[in-house]
Protein backbone atom coordinates (compact mmCIF):
# COMPACT_ATOMS: atom_id res chain seq x y z
CA UNK A 1 -16.29 4.17 30.77
CA UNK A 2 -20.04 4.55 31.32
CA UNK A 3 -19.79 8.23 30.42
CA UNK A 4 -18.14 7.28 27.11
CA UNK A 5 -20.94 4.84 26.32
CA UNK A 6 -23.55 7.50 27.04
CA UNK A 7 -21.76 9.99 24.76
CA UNK A 8 -21.59 7.44 21.94
CA UNK A 9 -25.29 6.59 22.26
CA UNK A 10 -26.17 10.29 22.33
CA UNK A 11 -24.08 10.89 19.22
CA UNK A 12 -25.81 8.09 17.29
CA UNK A 13 -29.25 9.33 18.35
CA UNK A 14 -28.37 12.86 17.21
CA UNK A 15 -27.16 11.60 13.80
CA UNK A 16 -30.24 9.41 13.37
CA UNK A 17 -32.45 12.40 14.06
CA UNK A 18 -30.90 14.33 11.16
CA UNK A 19 -30.39 11.79 8.33
CA UNK A 20 -29.76 14.41 5.61
CA UNK A 21 -27.01 16.08 7.63
CA UNK A 22 -25.53 12.68 8.48
CA UNK A 23 -25.44 11.65 4.81
CA UNK A 24 -23.72 14.87 3.75
CA UNK A 25 -21.19 14.56 6.57
CA UNK A 26 -20.40 10.95 5.65
CA UNK A 27 -19.99 11.79 1.96
CA UNK A 28 -17.73 14.74 2.80
CA UNK A 29 -15.62 12.52 5.06
CA UNK A 30 -15.37 9.80 2.40
CA UNK A 31 -14.34 12.30 -0.29
CA UNK A 32 -11.75 13.83 2.03
CA UNK A 33 -10.23 10.46 2.92
CA UNK A 34 -10.23 9.40 -0.73
CA UNK A 35 -8.57 12.60 -1.93
CA UNK A 36 -5.90 12.45 0.77
CA UNK A 37 -5.22 8.79 -0.01
CA UNK A 38 -4.80 9.54 -3.71
CA UNK A 39 -2.50 12.50 -3.03
CA UNK A 40 -0.38 10.46 -0.62
CA UNK A 41 -0.15 7.57 -3.11
CA UNK A 42 1.15 9.83 -5.87
CA UNK A 43 3.47 11.75 -3.53
CA UNK A 44 4.87 8.55 -2.08
CA UNK A 45 5.48 7.04 -5.52
CA UNK A 46 7.06 10.14 -7.04
CA UNK A 47 8.92 11.82 -4.17
CA UNK A 48 9.33 9.47 -1.20
CA UNK A 49 9.99 6.02 -2.64
CA UNK A 50 13.08 5.73 -4.84
CA UNK A 51 12.75 3.53 -7.89
CA UNK A 52 14.09 0.01 -7.23
CA UNK A 53 17.43 0.32 -9.01
CA UNK A 54 21.06 0.03 -8.00
CA UNK A 55 22.18 3.14 -6.08
CA UNK A 56 19.23 5.42 -6.96
CA UNK A 57 20.99 8.41 -5.33
CA UNK A 58 23.55 8.31 -8.16
CA UNK A 59 20.94 8.21 -10.92
CA UNK A 60 20.27 11.44 -12.79
CA UNK A 61 17.79 12.46 -15.45
CA UNK A 62 19.22 14.68 -18.17
CA UNK A 63 17.02 17.36 -19.71
CA UNK A 64 17.49 19.99 -22.40
CA UNK A 65 17.22 23.74 -21.93
CA UNK A 66 16.39 25.20 -25.34
CA UNK A 67 17.02 28.94 -25.57
CA UNK A 68 14.77 29.34 -28.62
CA UNK A 69 11.84 27.47 -27.09
CA UNK A 70 12.35 29.12 -23.70
CA UNK A 71 12.26 32.61 -25.18
CA UNK A 72 9.04 31.89 -27.11
CA UNK A 73 7.38 29.94 -24.29
CA UNK A 74 8.88 30.49 -20.81
CA UNK A 75 6.80 27.59 -19.44
CA UNK A 76 8.97 25.19 -21.45
CA UNK A 77 12.15 25.83 -19.47
CA UNK A 78 13.27 22.21 -19.75
CA UNK A 79 12.37 19.53 -22.26
CA UNK A 80 13.29 15.88 -22.90
CA UNK A 81 16.56 15.07 -24.62
CA UNK A 82 16.22 14.13 -28.28
CA UNK A 83 17.52 10.77 -29.45
CA UNK A 84 20.15 12.52 -31.58
CA UNK A 85 21.38 14.47 -28.57
CA UNK A 86 21.42 11.28 -26.50
CA UNK A 87 23.64 9.65 -29.10
CA UNK A 88 26.02 12.61 -28.95
CA UNK A 89 26.00 12.64 -25.14
CA UNK A 90 26.87 8.96 -24.97
CA UNK A 91 29.56 9.14 -27.66
CA UNK A 92 31.26 12.14 -26.04
CA UNK A 93 30.58 11.24 -22.40
CA UNK A 94 33.50 11.78 -20.03
CA UNK A 95 31.45 12.73 -16.97
CA UNK A 96 29.00 9.89 -16.27
CA UNK A 97 29.58 6.20 -15.71
CA UNK A 98 27.10 5.51 -18.51
CA UNK A 99 24.13 7.10 -20.29
CA UNK A 100 20.92 5.34 -21.38
CA UNK A 101 17.77 6.45 -23.20
CA UNK A 102 14.09 5.55 -22.90
CA UNK A 103 10.95 6.70 -24.73
CA UNK A 104 7.59 5.99 -23.03
CA UNK A 105 5.09 4.93 -25.69
CA UNK A 106 2.40 2.33 -26.23
CA UNK A 107 1.76 -0.83 -28.23
CA UNK A 108 -1.13 -3.20 -28.90
CA UNK A 109 -0.83 -6.81 -27.80
CA UNK A 110 -2.73 -9.23 -30.03
CA UNK A 111 -3.02 -12.97 -30.47
CA UNK A 112 -4.45 -13.58 -26.98
CA UNK A 113 -8.15 -12.80 -27.14
CA UNK A 114 -9.12 -9.20 -27.83
CA UNK A 115 -6.29 -6.80 -28.74
CA UNK A 116 -5.07 -4.96 -25.64
CA UNK A 117 -3.16 -1.66 -25.41
CA UNK A 118 -0.04 -1.84 -23.26
CA UNK A 119 2.41 0.78 -22.00
CA UNK A 120 5.79 0.27 -23.63
CA UNK A 121 9.23 1.82 -23.41
CA UNK A 122 11.67 2.01 -26.27
CA UNK A 123 15.06 1.79 -24.59
CA UNK A 124 18.73 1.67 -25.41
CA UNK A 125 20.32 -1.76 -24.98
CA UNK A 126 22.26 -0.62 -21.88
CA UNK A 127 19.10 0.53 -20.06
CA UNK A 128 18.82 -2.39 -17.63
CA UNK A 129 22.58 -2.65 -17.10
CA UNK A 130 22.81 1.04 -16.21
CA UNK A 131 19.98 0.69 -13.69
CA UNK A 132 21.39 -2.51 -12.24
CA UNK A 133 18.14 -4.37 -12.92
CA UNK A 134 18.59 -8.02 -13.86
CA UNK A 135 16.08 -10.56 -15.09
CA UNK A 136 14.47 -13.07 -12.75
CA UNK A 137 13.75 -15.21 -15.79
CA UNK A 138 15.75 -15.26 -19.01
CA UNK A 139 17.84 -12.14 -19.64
CA UNK A 140 17.67 -8.46 -20.57
CA UNK A 141 19.17 -6.87 -23.72
CA UNK A 142 22.65 -7.50 -25.06
CA UNK A 143 24.87 -4.56 -26.01
CA UNK A 144 24.19 -4.84 -29.74
CA UNK A 145 20.43 -5.43 -29.57
CA UNK A 146 19.53 -1.84 -30.40
CA UNK A 147 21.78 -1.33 -33.44
CA UNK A 148 20.04 -2.64 -36.56
CA UNK A 149 16.96 -0.61 -37.57
CA UNK A 150 13.99 -2.95 -37.50
CA UNK A 151 16.29 -5.88 -36.90
CA UNK A 152 15.93 -6.49 -33.16
CA UNK A 153 12.39 -7.87 -32.61
CA UNK A 154 12.98 -8.81 -28.98
CA UNK A 155 11.35 -7.62 -25.76
CA UNK A 156 11.50 -7.81 -21.97
CA UNK A 157 8.34 -8.03 -19.85
CA UNK A 158 7.46 -6.64 -16.46
CA UNK A 159 6.60 -9.18 -13.78
CA UNK A 160 3.04 -7.85 -13.60
CA UNK A 161 2.45 -8.29 -17.32
CA UNK A 162 4.02 -11.76 -17.31
CA UNK A 163 1.81 -12.80 -14.40
CA UNK A 164 -1.49 -11.26 -15.47
CA UNK A 165 -1.41 -11.84 -19.21
CA UNK A 166 0.67 -15.01 -19.46
CA UNK A 167 -0.07 -16.78 -16.18
CA UNK A 168 3.57 -16.56 -14.98
CA UNK A 169 4.47 -19.23 -17.52
CA UNK A 170 8.26 -19.85 -17.27
CA UNK A 171 8.15 -21.34 -20.76
CA UNK A 172 7.28 -17.96 -22.27
CA UNK A 173 10.97 -17.03 -22.61
CA UNK A 174 12.07 -17.79 -26.15
CA UNK A 175 8.52 -17.71 -27.51
CA UNK A 176 6.98 -14.80 -29.40
CA UNK A 177 4.32 -12.23 -28.55
CA UNK A 178 2.68 -9.99 -31.13
CA UNK A 179 2.98 -6.24 -30.58
CA UNK A 180 1.61 -3.84 -33.21
CA UNK A 181 1.24 -6.88 -35.51
CA UNK A 182 4.97 -7.67 -35.25
CA UNK A 183 6.21 -10.88 -33.53
CA UNK A 184 8.76 -10.22 -30.76
CA UNK A 185 10.82 -12.90 -29.02
CA UNK A 186 10.50 -12.66 -25.23
CA UNK A 187 13.99 -12.48 -23.73
CA UNK A 188 13.12 -12.28 -20.06
CA UNK A 189 11.10 -10.98 -17.14
CA UNK A 190 12.28 -8.37 -14.61
CA UNK A 191 11.58 -8.32 -10.83
CA UNK A 192 8.09 -7.66 -9.49
CA UNK A 193 8.90 -4.26 -7.99
CA UNK A 194 10.30 -2.75 -11.21
CA UNK A 195 8.08 -1.05 -13.78
CA UNK A 196 10.64 1.26 -15.34
CA UNK A 197 11.89 4.77 -14.75
CA UNK A 198 8.35 6.17 -15.02
CA UNK A 199 7.27 5.97 -11.38
CA UNK A 200 3.52 6.47 -11.83
CA UNK A 201 1.57 4.31 -14.22
CA UNK A 202 0.46 0.86 -15.26
CA UNK A 203 2.83 -1.90 -14.04
CA UNK A 204 2.09 -4.05 -17.13
CA UNK A 205 5.06 -2.79 -19.15
CA UNK A 206 6.98 -4.15 -22.13
CA UNK A 207 10.48 -2.93 -23.04
CA UNK A 208 11.62 -2.87 -26.68
CA UNK A 209 14.97 -1.81 -28.20
CA UNK A 210 15.24 1.67 -29.73
CA UNK A 211 16.07 0.08 -33.07
CA UNK A 212 12.41 -1.02 -33.37
CA UNK A 213 11.07 2.53 -33.27
CA UNK A 214 9.57 2.34 -36.78
CA UNK A 215 7.51 -0.69 -35.77
CA UNK A 216 6.40 0.86 -32.47
CA UNK A 217 5.93 4.52 -33.47
CA UNK A 218 4.14 3.82 -36.71
CA UNK A 219 2.57 6.38 -39.01
CA UNK A 220 2.92 10.12 -38.31
CA UNK A 221 4.26 9.35 -34.81
CA UNK A 222 7.46 8.04 -36.37
CA UNK A 223 8.36 11.66 -37.14
CA UNK A 224 8.62 12.30 -33.38
CA UNK A 225 11.32 9.69 -32.85
CA UNK A 226 14.38 11.87 -33.30
CA UNK A 227 13.00 14.75 -31.24
CA UNK A 228 11.55 12.83 -28.27
CA UNK A 229 12.94 10.73 -25.48
CA UNK A 230 14.31 10.71 -21.95
CA UNK A 231 17.89 10.20 -20.87
CA UNK A 232 19.22 8.80 -17.62
CA UNK A 233 22.81 8.69 -16.45
CA UNK A 234 24.94 7.49 -13.55
CA UNK A 235 27.45 9.86 -12.04
CA UNK A 236 30.90 8.38 -11.42
CA UNK A 237 31.48 6.42 -8.23
CA UNK A 238 33.43 7.99 -5.38
């Protein structure tokens, strides 16, 4: 034990004698630890930790392989499924238990202090049912709440957004929040560990029906609606 103490004291004296070297070594160590922590965090979120949904091993993401795009740009081997293709997939589906769509986007929350940008997801009404994610407060979307263009001004909030922005107020359900200058009725709040099918990103998420795409993807972005999107599906049970 005494030998260990002597070695430690000798090490500190050596470092104190060369402050420049010690500073560089400490900075290098800090950067190395920080970089490894960041890489592990991303790897753990994307590859090691399944998203908190019912039976994640049965969940699939559907992508499109476009021969025309692939031949002109080999890097674009796979691309997201368009909304029109999603509609065809769901209408003609005889393989999967169900098929749902989601489009990651963004909205601006106003009416509570300074306007604040928020991550949003335009989703089909069956999105939460397909994932097996229920609300801890209120409810999620009904089957017909993505049908009427511009006629379903309702939303579901993540637990993080509900807690941080609205103080975990249970009375928020049934009231309205203003997103992109449009009032939306809050239907419910989902569990704390769920922030959608995008595994890396801000946990303060709001979900809006696909039928509200014109109000969310305003201006030139609206032209992207029919050619953008992601599609998830459940394979049949065994």
